Amino acid sequence: MELKDTIDLMTSEDYKDRFKAEYYQTKIRYDKLHKMLVKNEAGVLDFTPTVPISKLMEQKRYMGEYLRMLEIRAAIENIDL
């Protein structure tokens, strides 16, 4: 899934669809950041980030916590992710 695949969910009248879009968009970004950090740690990243790696790792941590909270809320509200 790519960000563009979430447009219909994002513009839906149903809050559960919009919730799914928010989750999927965050997850897509989290996964891309994770892959970049893994490549960096393996020494195979093909560019030099302008942001310190420590800040990117901190961002990933917060994104992971946010995803966890969305997953908990989805379970409470019976939203199938």
Protein backbone atom coordinates (compact mmCIF):
# COMPACT_ATOMS: atom_id res chain seq x y z
CA MET A 1 0.00 0.00 0.00
CA GLU A 2 1.16 3.52 -0.80
CA LEU A 3 -0.02 6.87 0.50
CA LYS A 4 -2.06 7.45 -2.66
CA ASP A 5 -4.01 4.27 -1.89
CA THR A 6 -5.43 5.89 1.25
CA ILE A 7 -7.16 8.81 -0.49
CA ASP A 8 -10.62 7.23 -0.58
CA LEU A 9 -10.40 6.30 3.09
CA MET A 10 -9.10 9.74 4.00
CA THR A 11 -12.00 11.51 2.29
CA SER A 12 -14.71 9.14 3.50
CA GLU A 13 -17.70 10.34 5.52
CA ASP A 14 -17.17 7.37 7.87
CA TYR A 15 -14.85 8.17 10.77
CA LYS A 16 -13.67 4.56 10.86
CA ASP A 17 -12.41 4.87 7.30
CA ARG A 18 -10.65 8.15 8.13
CA PHE A 19 -9.14 6.46 11.20
CA LYS A 20 -7.83 3.63 8.99
CA ALA A 21 -6.34 6.19 6.60
CA GLU A 22 -4.54 7.90 9.46
CA TYR A 23 -3.20 4.58 10.69
CA TYR A 24 -2.12 3.36 7.25
CA GLN A 25 -0.44 6.67 6.38
CA THR A 26 1.50 6.68 9.64
CA LYS A 27 2.44 3.01 9.21
CA ILE A 28 3.68 3.59 5.65
CA ARG A 29 5.88 6.46 6.82
CA TYR A 30 7.09 4.50 9.85
CA ASP A 31 8.05 1.50 7.70
CA LYS A 32 9.96 3.70 5.23
CA LEU A 33 11.83 5.40 8.06
CA HIS A 34 12.61 2.02 9.62
CA LYS A 35 14.01 0.69 6.33
CA MET A 36 16.16 3.79 5.92
CA LEU A 37 17.56 3.45 9.45
CA VAL A 38 18.32 -0.25 8.90
CA LYS A 39 20.18 0.57 5.68
CA ASN A 40 22.08 3.31 7.48
CA GLU A 41 23.10 0.96 10.27
CA ALA A 42 24.15 -1.66 7.71
CA GLY A 43 26.26 0.97 5.93
CA VAL A 44 24.36 0.64 2.64
CA LEU A 45 22.26 3.81 2.68
CA ASP A 46 22.78 5.55 -0.66
CA PHE A 47 22.56 9.10 0.70
CA THR A 48 23.60 11.06 3.77
CA PRO A 49 20.64 12.24 5.86
CA THR A 50 20.68 15.94 6.68
CA VAL A 51 19.03 15.22 10.03
CA PRO A 52 21.10 13.53 12.75
CA ILE A 53 20.37 9.80 12.97
CA SER A 54 19.56 10.23 16.66
CA LYS A 55 16.68 12.55 15.73
CA LEU A 56 15.39 10.11 13.10
CA MET A 57 15.52 7.31 15.66
CA GLU A 58 13.64 9.48 18.14
CA GLN A 59 11.02 10.25 15.48
CA LYS A 60 10.66 6.52 14.76
CA ARG A 61 10.16 5.80 18.46
CA TYR A 62 7.38 8.38 18.76
CA MET A 63 5.75 7.17 15.56
CA GLY A 64 5.83 3.62 16.92
CA GLU A 65 4.19 4.75 20.15
CA TYR A 66 1.53 6.60 18.17
CA LEU A 67 0.84 3.52 16.04
CA ARG A 68 0.50 1.44 19.21
CA MET A 69 -2.06 3.87 20.60
CA LEU A 70 -3.99 3.83 17.34
CA GLU A 71 -3.99 0.02 17.44
CA ILE A 72 -5.31 0.04 21.01
CA ARG A 73 -8.02 2.51 20.09
CA ALA A 74 -8.92 0.44 17.03
CA ALA A 75 -9.34 -2.62 19.24
CA ILE A 76 -11.57 -0.68 21.64
CA GLU A 77 -13.68 0.75 18.82
CA ASN A 78 -13.81 -2.51 16.83
CA ILE A 79 -12.02 -1.00 13.83
CA ASP A 80 -10.43 -3.69 11.69
CA LEU A 81 -6.98 -2.53 10.62
